[in-house]
Amino acid sequence: MQEELNHFTRNKVWNLVPQPNNQNIIGTRWVFRNKLDEHGTVIRKKARLVSQGFRQEEGIHFDESFAPVARLEAIRIFLAYAAYKNFKVYQMDVKSAFLNGLLQEEVYVEQPPGFVNPLTPNHVFKLDKELYGLK
């Protein structure tokens, strides 16, 4: 979990600010997953901080949804082209779940569960970049 939060700090995903009035504050939660090798042995335990996008209402808090995923058709075309050109294709693991695009709107999220700053427990994070699960 600490590694995930360090990624957010290093990539300037958010800033801790006093909670604004009349603003929707989106919750956060941790998602845990075990990474397995080809034999099914756990090689790494991963934690990902995600926003609780279900608290946002379409038409009020957002107009469009975006997801940082590739379409299956795009992957098939890429692999077919790589095979045709004899390219080597490598798989890589993404360590942090945020998008590099800067947000145009003001979006606030709660401090992560288990990592609330004891000096400023009522402060929230103002997002500069998107967090996974945000709409």
C-alpha atoms as a PDB file:
ATOM      1  CA  MET A   1       0.000   0.000   0.000  1.00  0.00           C
ATOM      2  CA  GLN A   2       2.837   2.355   0.851  1.00  0.00           C
ATOM      3  CA  GLU A   3       4.433   1.687  -2.552  1.00  0.00           C
ATOM      4  CA  GLU A   4       1.181   2.700  -4.285  1.00  0.00           C
ATOM      5  CA  LEU A   5       0.999   5.926  -2.266  1.00  0.00           C
ATOM      6  CA  ASN A   6       4.659   6.673  -3.072  1.00  0.00           C
ATOM      7  CA  HIS A   7       3.814   6.386  -6.791  1.00  0.00           C
ATOM      8  CA  PHE A   8       1.039   8.948  -6.339  1.00  0.00           C
ATOM      9  CA  THR A   9       3.372  11.368  -4.581  1.00  0.00           C
ATOM     10  CA  ARG A  10       6.166  10.935  -7.130  1.00  0.00           C
ATOM     11  CA  ASN A  11       3.758  11.418 -10.054  1.00  0.00           C
ATOM     12  CA  LYS A  12       1.948  14.391  -8.461  1.00  0.00           C
ATOM     13  CA  VAL A  13      -1.491  12.802  -8.613  1.00  0.00           C
ATOM     14  CA  TRP A  14      -2.973  14.844  -5.741  1.00  0.00           C
ATOM     15  CA  ASN A  15      -2.571  17.543  -3.078  1.00  0.00           C
ATOM     16  CA  LEU A  16      -3.887  17.487   0.498  1.00  0.00           C
ATOM     17  CA  VAL A  17      -6.239  20.461   0.996  1.00  0.00           C
ATOM     18  CA  PRO A  18      -8.923  21.533   3.506  1.00  0.00           C
ATOM     19  CA  GLN A  19     -12.322  20.048   2.689  1.00  0.00           C
ATOM     20  CA  PRO A  20     -14.233  22.538   0.490  1.00  0.00           C
ATOM     21  CA  ASN A  21     -17.883  23.407   1.120  1.00  0.00           C
ATOM     22  CA  ASN A  22     -20.583  22.223  -1.287  1.00  0.00           C
ATOM     23  CA  GLN A  23     -18.274  19.788  -3.114  1.00  0.00           C
ATOM     24  CA  ASN A  24     -18.872  16.085  -3.692  1.00  0.00           C
ATOM     25  CA  ILE A  25     -16.137  14.138  -1.867  1.00  0.00           C
ATOM     26  CA  ILE A  26     -15.510  10.752  -3.492  1.00  0.00           C
ATOM     27  CA  GLY A  27     -14.511   7.847  -1.281  1.00  0.00           C
ATOM     28  CA  THR A  28     -11.487   5.630  -1.814  1.00  0.00           C
ATOM     29  CA  ARG A  29     -10.846   1.981  -1.070  1.00  0.00           C
ATOM     30  CA  TRP A  30      -8.062  -0.568  -1.438  1.00  0.00           C
ATOM     31  CA  VAL A  31      -8.211  -3.473  -3.878  1.00  0.00           C
ATOM     32  CA  PHE A  32      -5.819  -6.360  -3.189  1.00  0.00           C
ATOM     33  CA  ARG A  33      -4.560  -8.951  -5.643  1.00  0.00           C
ATOM     34  CA  ASN A  34      -1.936 -11.681  -5.688  1.00  0.00           C
ATOM     35  CA  LYS A  35       0.376 -11.903  -8.712  1.00  0.00           C
ATOM     36  CA  LEU A  36       1.054 -15.517  -9.651  1.00  0.00           C
ATOM     37  CA  ASP A  37       3.814 -17.112 -11.704  1.00  0.00           C
ATOM     38  CA  GLU A  38       3.177 -19.783 -14.334  1.00  0.00           C
ATOM     39  CA  HIS A  39       3.028 -22.482 -11.612  1.00  0.00           C
ATOM     40  CA  GLY A  40       0.396 -20.662  -9.546  1.00  0.00           C
ATOM     41  CA  THR A  41       2.819 -19.613  -6.811  1.00  0.00           C
ATOM     42  CA  VAL A  42       2.267 -16.164  -5.311  1.00  0.00           C
ATOM     43  CA  ILE A  43       5.225 -14.003  -6.350  1.00  0.00           C
ATOM     44  CA  ARG A  44       3.902 -10.612  -5.261  1.00  0.00           C
ATOM     45  CA  LYS A  45       1.025  -9.125  -3.321  1.00  0.00           C
ATOM     46  CA  LYS A  46      -0.386  -5.980  -4.927  1.00  0.00           C
ATOM     47  CA  ALA A  47      -2.519  -3.206  -3.490  1.00  0.00           C
ATOM     48  CA  ARG A  48      -4.308  -0.645  -5.635  1.00  0.00           C
ATOM     49  CA  LEU A  49      -6.096   2.456  -4.385  1.00  0.00           C
ATOM     50  CA  VAL A  50      -9.262   3.158  -6.362  1.00  0.00           C
ATOM     51  CA  SER A  51     -11.940   5.810  -6.176  1.00  0.00           C
ATOM     52  CA  GLN A  52     -15.517   4.841  -5.408  1.00  0.00           C
ATOM     53  CA  GLY A  53     -16.891   6.146  -8.688  1.00  0.00           C
ATOM     54  CA  PHE A  54     -20.352   4.792  -7.908  1.00  0.00           C
ATOM     55  CA  ARG A  55     -20.820   7.851  -5.659  1.00  0.00           C
ATOM     56  CA  GLN A  56     -20.824  10.051  -8.748  1.00  0.00           C
ATOM     57  CA  GLU A  57     -24.120  10.689 -10.546  1.00  0.00           C
ATOM     58  CA  GLU A  58     -24.234  10.852 -14.347  1.00  0.00           C
ATOM     59  CA  GLY A  59     -25.262  14.299 -15.595  1.00  0.00           C
ATOM     60  CA  ILE A  60     -24.396  15.901 -12.258  1.00  0.00           C
ATOM     61  CA  HIS A  61     -20.796  14.908 -11.524  1.00  0.00           C
ATOM     62  CA  PHE A  62     -19.770  13.579 -14.942  1.00  0.00           C
ATOM     63  CA  ASP A  63     -20.887  13.341 -18.544  1.00  0.00           C
ATOM     64  CA  GLU A  64     -18.574  10.618 -19.886  1.00  0.00           C
ATOM     65  CA  SER A  65     -16.781   7.567 -18.461  1.00  0.00           C
ATOM     66  CA  PHE A  66     -13.263   6.582 -19.428  1.00  0.00           C
ATOM     67  CA  ALA A  67     -11.401   3.387 -18.575  1.00  0.00           C
ATOM     68  CA  PRO A  68      -7.648   2.806 -18.950  1.00  0.00           C
ATOM     69  CA  VAL A  69      -8.059  -0.473 -20.798  1.00  0.00           C
ATOM     70  CA  ALA A  70      -7.305  -1.631 -24.320  1.00  0.00           C
ATOM     71  CA  ARG A  71      -9.985  -3.056 -26.572  1.00  0.00           C
ATOM     72  CA  LEU A  72      -9.554  -6.690 -27.549  1.00  0.00           C
ATOM     73  CA  GLU A  73      -9.685  -5.763 -31.247  1.00  0.00           C
ATOM     74  CA  ALA A  74      -6.765  -3.357 -30.828  1.00  0.00           C
ATOM     75  CA  ILE A  75      -4.680  -6.040 -29.095  1.00  0.00           C
ATOM     76  CA  ARG A  76      -5.450  -8.571 -31.856  1.00  0.00           C
ATOM     77  CA  ILE A  77      -4.435  -6.104 -34.587  1.00  0.00           C
ATOM     78  CA  PHE A  78      -1.239  -5.217 -32.724  1.00  0.00           C
ATOM     79  CA  LEU A  79      -0.285  -8.886 -32.237  1.00  0.00           C
ATOM     80  CA  ALA A  80      -1.062  -9.734 -35.874  1.00  0.00           C
ATOM     81  CA  TYR A  81       1.119  -6.854 -37.093  1.00  0.00           C
ATOM     82  CA  ALA A  82       3.921  -7.796 -34.672  1.00  0.00           C
ATOM     83  CA  ALA A  83       3.813 -11.404 -35.912  1.00  0.00           C
ATOM     84  CA  TYR A  84       3.820 -10.241 -39.557  1.00  0.00           C
ATOM     85  CA  LYS A  85       6.889  -8.016 -38.951  1.00  0.00           C
ATOM     86  CA  ASN A  86       8.605 -10.558 -36.633  1.00  0.00           C
ATOM     87  CA  PHE A  87       8.672  -8.090 -33.730  1.00  0.00           C
ATOM     88  CA  LYS A  88       9.376  -9.309 -30.208  1.00  0.00           C
ATOM     89  CA  VAL A  89       6.490  -8.518 -27.893  1.00  0.00           C
ATOM     90  CA  TYR A  90       7.007  -8.214 -24.152  1.00  0.00           C
ATOM     91  CA  GLN A  91       4.411  -8.088 -21.407  1.00  0.00           C
ATOM     92  CA  MET A  92       4.844  -5.543 -18.640  1.00  0.00           C
ATOM     93  CA  ASP A  93       3.079  -4.911 -15.388  1.00  0.00           C
ATOM     94  CA  VAL A  94       1.697  -1.450 -14.670  1.00  0.00           C
ATOM     95  CA  LYS A  95       2.529  -0.556 -11.094  1.00  0.00           C
ATOM     96  CA  SER A  96       0.328   2.478 -10.576  1.00  0.00           C
ATOM     97  CA  ALA A  97      -3.300   2.905 -11.491  1.00  0.00           C
ATOM     98  CA  PHE A  98      -3.721   6.483 -12.572  1.00  0.00           C
ATOM     99  CA  LEU A  99      -3.979   8.187 -15.890  1.00  0.00           C
ATOM    100  CA  ASN A 100      -1.344  10.671 -17.012  1.00  0.00           C
ATOM    101  CA  GLY A 101      -3.915  13.156 -18.307  1.00  0.00           C
ATOM    102  CA  LEU A 102      -4.485  16.217 -16.167  1.00  0.00           C
ATOM    103  CA  LEU A 103      -8.012  16.789 -14.860  1.00  0.00           C
ATOM    104  CA  GLN A 104      -9.881  19.875 -16.052  1.00  0.00           C
ATOM    105  CA  GLU A 105     -12.462  19.714 -13.235  1.00  0.00           C
ATOM    106  CA  GLU A 106     -11.997  20.023  -9.498  1.00  0.00           C
ATOM    107  CA  VAL A 107     -12.287  16.529  -8.016  1.00  0.00           C
ATOM    108  CA  TYR A 108     -11.815  15.679  -4.337  1.00  0.00           C
ATOM    109  CA  VAL A 109     -11.330  12.258  -2.749  1.00  0.00           C
ATOM    110  CA  GLU A 110     -11.143  11.096   0.841  1.00  0.00           C
ATOM    111  CA  GLN A 111      -7.807  10.199   2.381  1.00  0.00           C
ATOM    112  CA  PRO A 112      -7.039   6.487   1.874  1.00  0.00           C
ATOM    113  CA  PRO A 113      -8.323   4.119   4.566  1.00  0.00           C
ATOM    114  CA  GLY A 114      -5.530   3.367   7.030  1.00  0.00           C
ATOM    115  CA  PHE A 115      -3.461   6.349   5.844  1.00  0.00           C
ATOM    116  CA  VAL A 116      -5.358   9.344   7.227  1.00  0.00           C
ATOM    117  CA  ASN A 117      -2.956  12.126   8.220  1.00  0.00           C
ATOM    118  CA  PRO A 118      -3.338  12.493  12.032  1.00  0.00           C
ATOM    119  CA  LEU A 119      -2.498  16.230  11.879  1.00  0.00           C
ATOM    120  CA  THR A 120      -5.185  16.955   9.277  1.00  0.00           C
ATOM    121  CA  PRO A 121      -7.839  14.221   9.538  1.00  0.00           C
ATOM    122  CA  ASN A 122     -10.572  16.407   7.978  1.00  0.00           C
ATOM    123  CA  HIS A 123      -8.554  17.313   4.878  1.00  0.00           C
ATOM    124  CA  VAL A 124      -9.174  15.691   1.489  1.00  0.00           C
ATOM    125  CA  PHE A 125      -7.060  15.148  -1.607  1.00  0.00           C
ATOM    126  CA  LYS A 126      -7.641  17.393  -4.625  1.00  0.00           C
ATOM    127  CA  LEU A 127      -6.840  15.260  -7.672  1.00  0.00           C
ATOM    128  CA  ASP A 128      -4.569  16.667 -10.375  1.00  0.00           C
ATOM    129  CA  LYS A 129      -4.646  13.389 -12.333  1.00  0.00           C
ATOM    130  CA  GLU A 130      -7.267  10.693 -12.642  1.00  0.00           C
ATOM    131  CA  LEU A 131      -7.544   7.814 -10.208  1.00  0.00           C
ATOM    132  CA  TYR A 132      -8.733   4.373 -11.300  1.00  0.00           C
ATOM    133  CA  GLY A 133     -12.497   4.057 -10.870  1.00  0.00           C
ATOM    134  CA  LEU A 134     -13.168   7.777 -11.328  1.00  0.00           C
ATOM    135  CA  LYS A 135     -15.900   8.758 -13.794  1.00  0.00           C
END
